[in-house]
Every structure is written in structure tokens, then in C-alpha cells.
Amino acid sequence: MSDRTSRRSPAESSRRHWLSPHVATGLVLAALAVVLIVENRHSVDIRLFIPVVTMPVWTALAVMLIVGVVIGLLVSRSRK
């Protein structure tokens, strides 16, 4: 092998590997989140015990995601 193929400058290797698996996964998940929001903009009625709340579907899903993450963090901390 020649020196050109075996050695790369730091600038070349950083340009080539900027798309790590973590970055690629993050980009795919961000794109899916945008599609979810665009497709679920219509409002729905949600009954919270007695009051009825009207909000877009994506907002209700985002709230439930946050609630689930908080519950997961609380449960995982209690096991440690």
C-alpha cells in the first residue's frame, strides 16, 4: 500500500465519519417525529376524569411520552 491510502489527515477522517450510528439514529428519529406531528395535527377530545380537554393528537402523544419517561426514571432510580 502506498502512504496515500494508508494515512489520512485528521480533517479527512473527521469529514468522513461525521455520520456515526448515534447521529444517524437521531436524524431518523427526528424525521419520524416531524412526520408524526404533521400527520396528527387534528384536534381530539380527551376526557380527564370530569373535564374534557381538546388538543392536537401529537400534543397528547408528546405529553404521554414525557409522563412515561418520568415514570421510567422514577422506577429505575428506586431499584438502584
PDB file of N, CA and C in Angstrom:
ATOM      1  N   MET A   1       0.833  -1.178   0.000  1.00  0.00           N
ATOM      2  CA  MET A   1       0.000   0.000   0.000  1.00  0.00           C
ATOM      3  C   MET A   1       0.874   1.237   0.000  1.00  0.00           C
ATOM      4  N   SER A   2       0.386   2.252  -0.619  1.00  0.00           N
ATOM      5  CA  SER A   2       1.130   3.499  -0.630  1.00  0.00           C
ATOM      6  C   SER A   2       0.782   4.321   0.608  1.00  0.00           C
ATOM      7  N   ASP A   3       1.561   5.356   0.860  1.00  0.00           N
ATOM      8  CA  ASP A   3       1.318   6.211   2.015  1.00  0.00           C
ATOM      9  C   ASP A   3       0.003   6.968   1.886  1.00  0.00           C
ATOM     10  N   ARG A   4      -0.430   7.235   0.691  1.00  0.00           N
ATOM     11  CA  ARG A   4      -1.665   7.990   0.490  1.00  0.00           C
ATOM     12  C   ARG A   4      -2.902   7.208   0.935  1.00  0.00           C
ATOM     13  N   THR A   5      -2.921   5.908   0.695  1.00  0.00           N
ATOM     14  CA  THR A   5      -4.108   5.134   1.049  1.00  0.00           C
ATOM     15  C   THR A   5      -4.111   4.716   2.513  1.00  0.00           C
ATOM     16  N   SER A   6      -2.931   4.586   3.111  1.00  0.00           N
ATOM     17  CA  SER A   6      -2.893   4.105   4.488  1.00  0.00           C
ATOM     18  C   SER A   6      -3.000   5.221   5.515  1.00  0.00           C
ATOM     19  N   ARG A   7      -2.639   6.451   5.141  1.00  0.00           N
ATOM     20  CA  ARG A   7      -2.682   7.556   6.095  1.00  0.00           C
ATOM     21  C   ARG A   7      -3.650   8.625   5.603  1.00  0.00           C
ATOM     22  N   ARG A   8      -4.483   9.059   6.516  1.00  0.00           N
ATOM     23  CA  ARG A   8      -5.427  10.142   6.191  1.00  0.00           C
ATOM     24  C   ARG A   8      -5.190  11.276   7.164  1.00  0.00           C
ATOM     25  N   SER A   9      -5.394  12.470   6.696  1.00  0.00           N
ATOM     26  CA  SER A   9      -5.260  13.614   7.592  1.00  0.00           C
ATOM     27  C   SER A   9      -6.447  13.630   8.560  1.00  0.00           C
ATOM     28  N   PRO A  10      -6.305  14.265   9.722  1.00  0.00           N
ATOM     29  CA  PRO A  10      -7.427  14.342  10.670  1.00  0.00           C
ATOM     30  C   PRO A  10      -8.663  14.997  10.067  1.00  0.00           C
ATOM     31  N   ALA A  11      -8.457  15.976   9.196  1.00  0.00           N
ATOM     32  CA  ALA A  11      -9.602  16.644   8.564  1.00  0.00           C
ATOM     33  C   ALA A  11     -10.367  15.679   7.666  1.00  0.00           C
ATOM     34  N   GLU A  12      -9.645  14.824   6.945  1.00  0.00           N
ATOM     35  CA  GLU A  12     -10.306  13.851   6.073  1.00  0.00           C
ATOM     36  C   GLU A  12     -11.095  12.825   6.875  1.00  0.00           C
ATOM     37  N   SER A  13     -10.503  12.304   7.946  1.00  0.00           N
ATOM     38  CA  SER A  13     -11.205  11.281   8.710  1.00  0.00           C
ATOM     39  C   SER A  13     -12.389  11.866   9.465  1.00  0.00           C
ATOM     40  N   SER A  14     -12.307  13.113   9.949  1.00  0.00           N
ATOM     41  CA  SER A  14     -13.451  13.705  10.647  1.00  0.00           C
ATOM     42  C   SER A  14     -14.576  14.014   9.663  1.00  0.00           C
ATOM     43  N   ARG A  15     -14.232  14.398   8.439  1.00  0.00           N
ATOM     44  CA  ARG A  15     -15.256  14.649   7.427  1.00  0.00           C
ATOM     45  C   ARG A  15     -15.947  13.344   7.037  1.00  0.00           C
ATOM     46  N   ARG A  16     -15.210  12.284   7.003  1.00  0.00           N
ATOM     47  CA  ARG A  16     -15.742  11.020   6.542  1.00  0.00           C
ATOM     48  C   ARG A  16     -16.615  10.341   7.599  1.00  0.00           C
ATOM     49  N   HIS A  17     -16.337  10.534   8.879  1.00  0.00           N
ATOM     50  CA  HIS A  17     -17.027   9.809   9.945  1.00  0.00           C
ATOM     51  C   HIS A  17     -17.962  10.691  10.761  1.00  0.00           C
ATOM     52  N   TRP A  18     -18.431  11.785  10.206  1.00  0.00           N
ATOM     53  CA  TRP A  18     -19.325  12.653  10.968  1.00  0.00           C
ATOM     54  C   TRP A  18     -20.675  11.997  11.196  1.00  0.00           C
ATOM     55  N   LEU A  19     -21.029  11.031  10.364  1.00  0.00           N
ATOM     56  CA  LEU A  19     -22.322  10.364  10.487  1.00  0.00           C
ATOM     57  C   LEU A  19     -22.149   9.049  11.244  1.00  0.00           C
ATOM     58  N   SER A  20     -22.025   9.169  12.564  1.00  0.00           N
ATOM     59  CA  SER A  20     -21.886   7.974  13.397  1.00  0.00           C
ATOM     60  C   SER A  20     -23.255   7.301  13.523  1.00  0.00           C
ATOM     61  N   PRO A  21     -23.308   6.089  14.007  1.00  0.00           N
ATOM     62  CA  PRO A  21     -24.602   5.419  14.186  1.00  0.00           C
ATOM     63  C   PRO A  21     -25.542   6.194  15.118  1.00  0.00           C
ATOM     64  N   HIS A  22     -24.991   6.843  16.142  1.00  0.00           N
ATOM     65  CA  HIS A  22     -25.830   7.626  17.047  1.00  0.00           C
ATOM     66  C   HIS A  22     -26.445   8.833  16.334  1.00  0.00           C
ATOM     67  N   VAL A  23     -25.645   9.499  15.512  1.00  0.00           N
ATOM     68  CA  VAL A  23     -26.149  10.657  14.768  1.00  0.00           C
ATOM     69  C   VAL A  23     -27.189  10.214  13.751  1.00  0.00           C
ATOM     70  N   ALA A  24     -26.927   9.123  13.055  1.00  0.00           N
ATOM     71  CA  ALA A  24     -27.880   8.613  12.062  1.00  0.00           C
ATOM     72  C   ALA A  24     -29.199   8.224  12.729  1.00  0.00           C
ATOM     73  N   THR A  25     -29.132   7.553  13.871  1.00  0.00           N
ATOM     74  CA  THR A  25     -30.343   7.174  14.598  1.00  0.00           C
ATOM     75  C   THR A  25     -31.112   8.410  15.043  1.00  0.00           C
ATOM     76  N   GLY A  26     -30.402   9.405  15.541  1.00  0.00           N
ATOM     77  CA  GLY A  26     -31.038  10.648  15.957  1.00  0.00           C
ATOM     78  C   GLY A  26     -31.730  11.357  14.801  1.00  0.00           C
ATOM     79  N   LEU A  27     -31.084  11.384  13.646  1.00  0.00           N
ATOM     80  CA  LEU A  27     -31.688  12.018  12.473  1.00  0.00           C
ATOM     81  C   LEU A  27     -32.944  11.285  12.013  1.00  0.00           C
ATOM     82  N   VAL A  28     -32.902   9.962  12.027  1.00  0.00           N
ATOM     83  CA  VAL A  28     -34.074   9.171  11.634  1.00  0.00           C
ATOM     84  C   VAL A  28     -35.221   9.395  12.611  1.00  0.00           C
ATOM     85  N   LEU A  29     -34.933   9.394  13.914  1.00  0.00           N
ATOM     86  CA  LEU A  29     -35.980   9.622  14.905  1.00  0.00           C
ATOM     87  C   LEU A  29     -36.551  11.035  14.814  1.00  0.00           C
ATOM     88  N   ALA A  30     -35.701  12.017  14.537  1.00  0.00           N
ATOM     89  CA  ALA A  30     -36.190  13.387  14.368  1.00  0.00           C
ATOM     90  C   ALA A  30     -37.104  13.492  13.146  1.00  0.00           C
ATOM     91  N   ALA A  31     -36.730  12.835  12.060  1.00  0.00           N
ATOM     92  CA  ALA A  31     -37.572  12.843  10.862  1.00  0.00           C
ATOM     93  C   ALA A  31     -38.914  12.165  11.136  1.00  0.00           C
ATOM     94  N   LEU A  32     -38.894  11.059  11.863  1.00  0.00           N
ATOM     95  CA  LEU A  32     -40.148  10.385  12.213  1.00  0.00           C
ATOM     96  C   LEU A  32     -41.014  11.247  13.120  1.00  0.00           C
ATOM     97  N   ALA A  33     -40.396  11.993  14.025  1.00  0.00           N
ATOM     98  CA  ALA A  33     -41.158  12.892  14.897  1.00  0.00           C
ATOM     99  C   ALA A  33     -41.826  13.997  14.087  1.00  0.00           C
ATOM    100  N   VAL A  34     -41.129  14.529  13.101  1.00  0.00           N
ATOM    101  CA  VAL A  34     -41.721  15.568  12.245  1.00  0.00           C
ATOM    102  C   VAL A  34     -42.902  14.997  11.462  1.00  0.00           C
ATOM    103  N   VAL A  35     -42.757  13.805  10.923  1.00  0.00           N
ATOM    104  CA  VAL A  35     -43.856  13.163  10.188  1.00  0.00           C
ATOM    105  C   VAL A  35     -45.047  12.924  11.113  1.00  0.00           C
ATOM    106  N   LEU A  36     -44.794  12.463  12.332  1.00  0.00           N
ATOM    107  CA  LEU A  36     -45.855  12.229  13.306  1.00  0.00           C
ATOM    108  C   LEU A  36     -46.619  13.517  13.594  1.00  0.00           C
ATOM    109  N   ILE A  37     -45.905  14.613  13.790  1.00  0.00           N
ATOM    110  CA  ILE A  37     -46.555  15.891  14.085  1.00  0.00           C
ATOM    111  C   ILE A  37     -47.370  16.372  12.896  1.00  0.00           C
ATOM    112  N   VAL A  38     -46.812  16.284  11.701  1.00  0.00           N
ATOM    113  CA  VAL A  38     -47.516  16.766  10.509  1.00  0.00           C
ATOM    114  C   VAL A  38     -48.780  15.955  10.241  1.00  0.00           C
ATOM    115  N   GLU A  39     -48.699  14.653  10.451  1.00  0.00           N
ATOM    116  CA  GLU A  39     -49.844  13.785  10.168  1.00  0.00           C
ATOM    117  C   GLU A  39     -50.923  13.820  11.247  1.00  0.00           C
ATOM    118  N   ASN A  40     -50.606  14.293  12.450  1.00  0.00           N
ATOM    119  CA  ASN A  40     -51.553  14.253  13.563  1.00  0.00           C
ATOM    120  C   ASN A  40     -51.839  15.646  14.112  1.00  0.00           C
ATOM    121  N   ARG A  41     -52.151  16.571  13.224  1.00  0.00           N
ATOM    122  CA  ARG A  41     -52.438  17.937  13.654  1.00  0.00           C
ATOM    123  C   ARG A  41     -53.891  18.146  14.029  1.00  0.00           C
ATOM    124  N   HIS A  42     -54.776  17.225  13.718  1.00  0.00           N
ATOM    125  CA  HIS A  42     -56.191  17.424  14.026  1.00  0.00           C
ATOM    126  C   HIS A  42     -56.426  17.328  15.532  1.00  0.00           C
ATOM    127  N   SER A  43     -57.445  18.020  16.000  1.00  0.00           N
ATOM    128  CA  SER A  43     -57.741  18.050  17.432  1.00  0.00           C
ATOM    129  C   SER A  43     -58.657  16.899  17.831  1.00  0.00           C
ATOM    130  N   VAL A  44     -58.488  16.451  19.047  1.00  0.00           N
ATOM    131  CA  VAL A  44     -59.329  15.396  19.609  1.00  0.00           C
ATOM    132  C   VAL A  44     -59.781  15.831  20.997  1.00  0.00           C
ATOM    133  N   ASP A  45     -60.892  15.262  21.439  1.00  0.00           N
ATOM    134  CA  ASP A  45     -61.384  15.498  22.787  1.00  0.00           C
ATOM    135  C   ASP A  45     -60.860  14.398  23.695  1.00  0.00           C
ATOM    136  N   ILE A  46     -60.247  14.804  24.795  1.00  0.00           N
ATOM    137  CA  ILE A  46     -59.711  13.852  25.758  1.00  0.00           C
ATOM    138  C   ILE A  46     -60.372  14.121  27.100  1.00  0.00           C
ATOM    139  N   ARG A  47     -60.957  13.091  27.671  1.00  0.00           N
ATOM    140  CA  ARG A  47     -61.623  13.243  28.972  1.00  0.00           C
ATOM    141  C   ARG A  47     -60.623  12.939  30.076  1.00  0.00           C
ATOM    142  N   LEU A  48     -60.415  13.926  30.939  1.00  0.00           N
ATOM    143  CA  LEU A  48     -59.550  13.774  32.110  1.00  0.00           C
ATOM    144  C   LEU A  48     -60.445  13.728  33.339  1.00  0.00           C
ATOM    145  N   PHE A  49     -60.900  12.547  33.673  1.00  0.00           N
ATOM    146  CA  PHE A  49     -61.873  12.302  34.742  1.00  0.00           C
ATOM    147  C   PHE A  49     -63.172  13.047  34.437  1.00  0.00           C
ATOM    148  N   ILE A  50     -63.297  14.305  34.800  1.00  0.00           N
ATOM    149  CA  ILE A  50     -64.537  15.023  34.526  1.00  0.00           C
ATOM    150  C   ILE A  50     -64.381  16.030  33.386  1.00  0.00           C
ATOM    151  N   PRO A  51     -63.332  16.889  33.372  1.00  0.00           N
ATOM    152  CA  PRO A  51     -63.248  17.874  32.281  1.00  0.00           C
ATOM    153  C   PRO A  51     -62.856  17.217  30.953  1.00  0.00           C
ATOM    154  N   VAL A  52     -63.281  17.833  29.878  1.00  0.00           N
ATOM    155  CA  VAL A  52     -62.906  17.385  28.533  1.00  0.00           C
ATOM    156  C   VAL A  52     -61.935  18.414  27.972  1.00  0.00           C
ATOM    157  N   VAL A  53     -60.773  17.944  27.542  1.00  0.00           N
ATOM    158  CA  VAL A  53     -59.736  18.814  27.004  1.00  0.00           C
ATOM    159  C   VAL A  53     -59.629  18.552  25.507  1.00  0.00           C
ATOM    160  N   THR A  54     -59.575  19.620  24.724  1.00  0.00           N
ATOM    161  CA  THR A  54     -59.397  19.493  23.280  1.00  0.00           C
ATOM    162  C   THR A  54     -57.979  19.916  22.931  1.00  0.00           C
ATOM    163  N   MET A  55     -57.257  19.026  22.268  1.00  0.00           N
ATOM    164  CA  MET A  55     -55.879  19.324  21.880  1.00  0.00           C
ATOM    165  C   MET A  55     -55.501  18.480  20.665  1.00  0.00           C
ATOM    166  N   PRO A  56     -54.460  18.890  19.938  1.00  0.00           N
ATOM    167  CA  PRO A  56     -53.996  18.066  18.813  1.00  0.00           C
ATOM    168  C   PRO A  56     -53.495  16.708  19.299  1.00  0.00           C
ATOM    169  N   VAL A  57     -53.615  15.722  18.435  1.00  0.00           N
ATOM    170  CA  VAL A  57     -53.194  14.365  18.792  1.00  0.00           C
ATOM    171  C   VAL A  57     -51.712  14.335  19.139  1.00  0.00           C
ATOM    172  N   TRP A  58     -50.878  15.032  18.369  1.00  0.00           N
ATOM    173  CA  TRP A  58     -49.438  14.977  18.622  1.00  0.00           C
ATOM    174  C   TRP A  58     -49.090  15.537  19.990  1.00  0.00           C
ATOM    175  N   THR A  59     -49.840  16.523  20.463  1.00  0.00           N
ATOM    176  CA  THR A  59     -49.588  17.083  21.788  1.00  0.00           C
ATOM    177  C   THR A  59     -49.916  16.052  22.868  1.00  0.00           C
ATOM    178  N   ALA A  60     -51.043  15.384  22.703  1.00  0.00           N
ATOM    179  CA  ALA A  60     -51.425  14.351  23.679  1.00  0.00           C
ATOM    180  C   ALA A  60     -50.388  13.228  23.701  1.00  0.00           C
ATOM    181  N   LEU A  61     -49.898  12.831  22.532  1.00  0.00           N
ATOM    182  CA  LEU A  61     -48.876  11.775  22.473  1.00  0.00           C
ATOM    183  C   LEU A  61     -47.570  12.235  23.113  1.00  0.00           C
ATOM    184  N   ALA A  62     -47.185  13.488  22.877  1.00  0.00           N
ATOM    185  CA  ALA A  62     -45.954  14.018  23.465  1.00  0.00           C
ATOM    186  C   ALA A  62     -46.060  14.078  24.988  1.00  0.00           C
ATOM    187  N   VAL A  63     -47.219  14.494  25.491  1.00  0.00           N
ATOM    188  CA  VAL A  63     -47.429  14.540  26.940  1.00  0.00           C
ATOM    189  C   VAL A  63     -47.332  13.137  27.529  1.00  0.00           C
ATOM    190  N   MET A  64     -47.939  12.171  26.884  1.00  0.00           N
ATOM    191  CA  MET A  64     -47.876  10.798  27.387  1.00  0.00           C
ATOM    192  C   MET A  64     -46.454  10.236  27.316  1.00  0.00           C
ATOM    193  N   LEU A  65     -45.693  10.620  26.299  1.00  0.00           N
ATOM    194  CA  LEU A  65     -44.296  10.200  26.210  1.00  0.00           C
ATOM    195  C   LEU A  65     -43.507  10.750  27.387  1.00  0.00           C
ATOM    196  N   ILE A  66     -43.692  12.018  27.692  1.00  0.00           N
ATOM    197  CA  ILE A  66     -42.978  12.646  28.810  1.00  0.00           C
ATOM    198  C   ILE A  66     -43.374  11.991  30.127  1.00  0.00           C
ATOM    199  N   VAL A  67     -44.666  11.740  30.315  1.00  0.00           N
ATOM    200  CA  VAL A  67     -45.131  11.067  31.537  1.00  0.00           C
ATOM    201  C   VAL A  67     -44.489   9.680  31.641  1.00  0.00           C
ATOM    202  N   GLY A  68     -44.433   8.944  30.551  1.00  0.00           N
ATOM    203  CA  GLY A  68     -43.822   7.615  30.564  1.00  0.00           C
ATOM    204  C   GLY A  68     -42.340   7.659  30.880  1.00  0.00           C
ATOM    205  N   VAL A  69     -41.626   8.635  30.339  1.00  0.00           N
ATOM    206  CA  VAL A  69     -40.198   8.768  30.625  1.00  0.00           C
ATOM    207  C   VAL A  69     -39.982   9.086  32.105  1.00  0.00           C
ATOM    208  N   VAL A  70     -40.782  10.001  32.641  1.00  0.00           N
ATOM    209  CA  VAL A  70     -40.652  10.354  34.061  1.00  0.00           C
ATOM    210  C   VAL A  70     -40.932   9.140  34.943  1.00  0.00           C
ATOM    211  N   ILE A  71     -41.983   8.397  34.641  1.00  0.00           N
ATOM    212  CA  ILE A  71     -42.291   7.192  35.421  1.00  0.00           C
ATOM    213  C   ILE A  71     -41.153   6.181  35.307  1.00  0.00           C
ATOM    214  N   GLY A  72     -40.619   5.988  34.114  1.00  0.00           N
ATOM    215  CA  GLY A  72     -39.496   5.072  33.937  1.00  0.00           C
ATOM    216  C   GLY A  72     -38.276   5.488  34.726  1.00  0.00           C
ATOM    217  N   LEU A  73     -37.984   6.778  34.755  1.00  0.00           N
ATOM    218  CA  LEU A  73     -36.841   7.264  35.541  1.00  0.00           C
ATOM    219  C   LEU A  73     -37.066   7.051  37.034  1.00  0.00           C
ATOM    220  N   LEU A  74     -38.275   7.318  37.490  1.00  0.00           N
ATOM    221  CA  LEU A  74     -38.573   7.136  38.906  1.00  0.00           C
ATOM    222  C   LEU A  74     -38.482   5.666  39.310  1.00  0.00           C
ATOM    223  N   VAL A  75     -38.986   4.775  38.486  1.00  0.00           N
ATOM    224  CA  VAL A  75     -38.943   3.339  38.794  1.00  0.00           C
ATOM    225  C   VAL A  75     -37.509   2.836  38.750  1.00  0.00           C
ATOM    226  N   SER A  76     -36.728   3.284  37.782  1.00  0.00           N
ATOM    227  CA  SER A  76     -35.343   2.794  37.671  1.00  0.00           C
ATOM    228  C   SER A  76     -34.485   3.316  38.808  1.00  0.00           C
ATOM    229  N   ARG A  77     -34.731   4.506  39.304  1.00  0.00           N
ATOM    230  CA  ARG A  77     -33.968   5.044  40.430  1.00  0.00           C
ATOM    231  C   ARG A  77     -34.265   4.291  41.715  1.00  0.00           C
ATOM    232  N   SER A  78     -35.495   3.830  41.876  1.00  0.00           N
ATOM    233  CA  SER A  78     -35.838   3.136  43.107  1.00  0.00           C
ATOM    234  C   SER A  78     -35.208   1.745  43.167  1.00  0.00           C
ATOM    235  N   ARG A  79     -34.823   1.185  42.047  1.00  0.00           N
ATOM    236  CA  ARG A  79     -34.199  -0.143  42.019  1.00  0.00           C
ATOM    237  C   ARG A  79     -32.718  -0.086  42.374  1.00  0.00           C
ATOM    238  N   LYS A  80     -32.083   1.061  42.232  1.00  0.00           N
ATOM    239  CA  LYS A  80     -30.635   1.158  42.451  1.00  0.00           C
ATOM    240  C   LYS A  80     -30.266   1.151  43.890  1.00  0.00           C
TER     241      LYS A  80
END
